[in-house]
Amino acid sequence: MKKNSTKKSGDYESHWTEYMEVDDHNSTKTIILVNDAPVPNIEGCLDQGDLESFLKDFIDDEGNIVLEGNEIIILFELGTTNMESSAADFLDLVILVTRTPER
């Protein structure tokens, strides 16, 4: 969503318009990384580093993801998933999820 105008407060639904629709059922727009998964070889778009440099704190010497058993990393691509395009970098949204048992 984006505001229609900087002069509007954003307090009302009419102040906003949708500018991008993401199909959340399209699994090609997400990559889920678990412990010991290899790091995908994906270049960053424009001046961003590649995926490996972004995730460097979670990578071991063999190039695999290092996470706790209750953690996953979810990578989202909001634009194109055409891997021939430099825009498909899966760095639009990166989430580290930690699952905890119910109390």
C-alpha atoms as a PDB file:
ATOM      1  CA  MET A   1       0.000   0.000   0.000  1.00  0.00           C
ATOM      2  CA  LYS A   2       1.089   3.562  -0.541  1.00  0.00           C
ATOM      3  CA  LYS A   3      -0.470   6.861   0.418  1.00  0.00           C
ATOM      4  CA  ASN A   4      -2.300   8.683  -2.354  1.00  0.00           C
ATOM      5  CA  SER A   5      -0.728  11.968  -1.333  1.00  0.00           C
ATOM      6  CA  THR A   6       1.773  13.260   1.210  1.00  0.00           C
ATOM      7  CA  LYS A   7      -0.874  15.819   2.184  1.00  0.00           C
ATOM      8  CA  LYS A   8      -3.173  13.059   3.473  1.00  0.00           C
ATOM      9  CA  SER A   9      -2.788  11.769   7.023  1.00  0.00           C
ATOM     10  CA  GLY A  10      -3.176   8.095   6.189  1.00  0.00           C
ATOM     11  CA  ASP A  11      -5.854   7.713   8.847  1.00  0.00           C
ATOM     12  CA  TYR A  12      -8.509   6.591   6.358  1.00  0.00           C
ATOM     13  CA  GLU A  13      -8.602   3.711   3.914  1.00  0.00           C
ATOM     14  CA  SER A  14      -9.319   6.152   1.071  1.00  0.00           C
ATOM     15  CA  HIS A  15      -5.881   7.745   1.662  1.00  0.00           C
ATOM     16  CA  TRP A  16      -4.186   4.546   0.449  1.00  0.00           C
ATOM     17  CA  THR A  17      -3.925   2.648  -2.841  1.00  0.00           C
ATOM     18  CA  GLU A  18      -2.566  -0.799  -3.561  1.00  0.00           C
ATOM     19  CA  TYR A  19       0.481  -0.656  -5.796  1.00  0.00           C
ATOM     20  CA  MET A  20       1.623  -4.268  -5.797  1.00  0.00           C
ATOM     21  CA  GLU A  21      -0.238  -7.522  -5.423  1.00  0.00           C
ATOM     22  CA  VAL A  22       1.658 -10.561  -4.209  1.00  0.00           C
ATOM     23  CA  ASP A  23       0.252 -14.043  -4.698  1.00  0.00           C
ATOM     24  CA  ASP A  24       1.032 -15.680  -1.384  1.00  0.00           C
ATOM     25  CA  HIS A  25       0.073 -19.091  -2.798  1.00  0.00           C
ATOM     26  CA  ASN A  26       2.879 -18.920  -5.355  1.00  0.00           C
ATOM     27  CA  SER A  27       5.675 -20.892  -3.734  1.00  0.00           C
ATOM     28  CA  THR A  28       8.193 -19.662  -6.318  1.00  0.00           C
ATOM     29  CA  LYS A  29       8.213 -16.306  -4.495  1.00  0.00           C
ATOM     30  CA  THR A  30       9.611 -17.792  -1.289  1.00  0.00           C
ATOM     31  CA  ILE A  31      12.631 -19.837  -0.327  1.00  0.00           C
ATOM     32  CA  ILE A  32      12.729 -21.511   3.074  1.00  0.00           C
ATOM     33  CA  LEU A  33      16.141 -22.283   4.528  1.00  0.00           C
ATOM     34  CA  VAL A  34      16.624 -24.793   7.346  1.00  0.00           C
ATOM     35  CA  ASN A  35      19.702 -25.975   9.219  1.00  0.00           C
ATOM     36  CA  ASP A  36      22.318 -27.548   6.889  1.00  0.00           C
ATOM     37  CA  ALA A  37      20.596 -26.258   3.731  1.00  0.00           C
ATOM     38  CA  PRO A  38      22.988 -25.057   1.030  1.00  0.00           C
ATOM     39  CA  VAL A  39      22.939 -21.309   0.446  1.00  0.00           C
ATOM     40  CA  PRO A  40      21.334 -20.511  -2.920  1.00  0.00           C
ATOM     41  CA  ASN A  41      23.707 -18.809  -5.354  1.00  0.00           C
ATOM     42  CA  ILE A  42      21.678 -15.661  -6.057  1.00  0.00           C
ATOM     43  CA  GLU A  43      23.164 -12.282  -6.950  1.00  0.00           C
ATOM     44  CA  GLY A  44      21.801  -9.106  -5.366  1.00  0.00           C
ATOM     45  CA  CYS A  45      19.951  -6.504  -7.413  1.00  0.00           C
ATOM     46  CA  LEU A  46      21.571  -3.156  -8.206  1.00  0.00           C
ATOM     47  CA  ASP A  47      24.117  -2.264  -5.504  1.00  0.00           C
ATOM     48  CA  GLN A  48      23.079  -4.930  -2.984  1.00  0.00           C
ATOM     49  CA  GLY A  49      25.436  -7.735  -2.148  1.00  0.00           C
ATOM     50  CA  ASP A  50      24.536 -11.301  -3.016  1.00  0.00           C
ATOM     51  CA  LEU A  51      22.426 -13.581  -0.841  1.00  0.00           C
ATOM     52  CA  GLU A  52      25.494 -15.278   0.640  1.00  0.00           C
ATOM     53  CA  SER A  53      26.959 -11.985   1.871  1.00  0.00           C
ATOM     54  CA  PHE A  54      23.591 -11.015   3.376  1.00  0.00           C
ATOM     55  CA  LEU A  55      23.325 -14.306   5.281  1.00  0.00           C
ATOM     56  CA  LYS A  56      27.027 -14.554   6.233  1.00  0.00           C
ATOM     57  CA  ASP A  57      26.298 -14.747   9.979  1.00  0.00           C
ATOM     58  CA  PHE A  58      24.278 -17.936   9.366  1.00  0.00           C
ATOM     59  CA  ILE A  59      26.712 -19.807   7.071  1.00  0.00           C
ATOM     60  CA  ASP A  60      29.354 -22.391   8.037  1.00  0.00           C
ATOM     61  CA  ASP A  61      32.706 -23.054   6.324  1.00  0.00           C
ATOM     62  CA  GLU A  62      31.091 -25.530   3.896  1.00  0.00           C
ATOM     63  CA  GLY A  63      28.556 -22.949   2.695  1.00  0.00           C
ATOM     64  CA  ASN A  64      25.551 -24.369   4.537  1.00  0.00           C
ATOM     65  CA  ILE A  65      23.017 -22.595   6.724  1.00  0.00           C
ATOM     66  CA  VAL A  66      23.555 -22.917  10.482  1.00  0.00           C
ATOM     67  CA  LEU A  67      20.364 -22.573  12.517  1.00  0.00           C
ATOM     68  CA  GLU A  68      18.941 -23.983  15.712  1.00  0.00           C
ATOM     69  CA  GLY A  69      16.449 -26.830  15.322  1.00  0.00           C
ATOM     70  CA  ASN A  70      13.532 -24.482  15.977  1.00  0.00           C
ATOM     71  CA  GLU A  71      14.595 -21.801  13.461  1.00  0.00           C
ATOM     72  CA  ILE A  72      14.034 -21.233   9.752  1.00  0.00           C
ATOM     73  CA  ILE A  73      14.871 -18.363   7.412  1.00  0.00           C
ATOM     74  CA  ILE A  74      12.247 -17.326   4.868  1.00  0.00           C
ATOM     75  CA  LEU A  75      13.358 -15.344   1.798  1.00  0.00           C
ATOM     76  CA  PHE A  76      10.719 -13.437  -0.187  1.00  0.00           C
ATOM     77  CA  GLU A  77      10.819 -12.057  -3.713  1.00  0.00           C
ATOM     78  CA  LEU A  78       8.016  -9.553  -4.250  1.00  0.00           C
ATOM     79  CA  GLY A  79       8.801  -8.768  -7.868  1.00  0.00           C
ATOM     80  CA  THR A  80       9.864 -11.187 -10.570  1.00  0.00           C
ATOM     81  CA  THR A  81      10.927 -14.773 -10.041  1.00  0.00           C
ATOM     82  CA  ASN A  82      12.485 -14.945 -13.492  1.00  0.00           C
ATOM     83  CA  MET A  83      15.981 -15.982 -12.445  1.00  0.00           C
ATOM     84  CA  GLU A  84      17.349 -14.476 -15.675  1.00  0.00           C
ATOM     85  CA  SER A  85      16.446 -11.064 -14.217  1.00  0.00           C
ATOM     86  CA  SER A  86      18.792  -9.410 -11.712  1.00  0.00           C
ATOM     87  CA  ALA A  87      15.692  -8.223  -9.844  1.00  0.00           C
ATOM     88  CA  ALA A  88      14.992 -11.793  -8.621  1.00  0.00           C
ATOM     89  CA  ASP A  89      17.327 -11.601  -5.629  1.00  0.00           C
ATOM     90  CA  PHE A  90      14.996 -12.918  -2.883  1.00  0.00           C
ATOM     91  CA  LEU A  91      16.148 -10.091  -0.601  1.00  0.00           C
ATOM     92  CA  ASP A  92      12.890  -8.118  -0.600  1.00  0.00           C
ATOM     93  CA  LEU A  93      11.987  -9.528   2.788  1.00  0.00           C
ATOM     94  CA  VAL A  94      14.106 -11.856   4.905  1.00  0.00           C
ATOM     95  CA  ILE A  95      12.662 -13.269   8.118  1.00  0.00           C
ATOM     96  CA  LEU A  96      14.306 -15.386  10.795  1.00  0.00           C
ATOM     97  CA  VAL A  97      11.523 -17.401  12.431  1.00  0.00           C
ATOM     98  CA  THR A  98      12.025 -18.969  15.857  1.00  0.00           C
ATOM     99  CA  ARG A  99       9.322 -21.446  16.803  1.00  0.00           C
ATOM    100  CA  THR A 100       8.607 -21.953  20.482  1.00  0.00           C
ATOM    101  CA  PRO A 101       6.352 -24.565  22.059  1.00  0.00           C
ATOM    102  CA  GLU A 102       3.001 -23.560  23.472  1.00  0.00           C
ATOM    103  CA  ARG A 103       2.998 -23.029  27.215  1.00  0.00           C
END
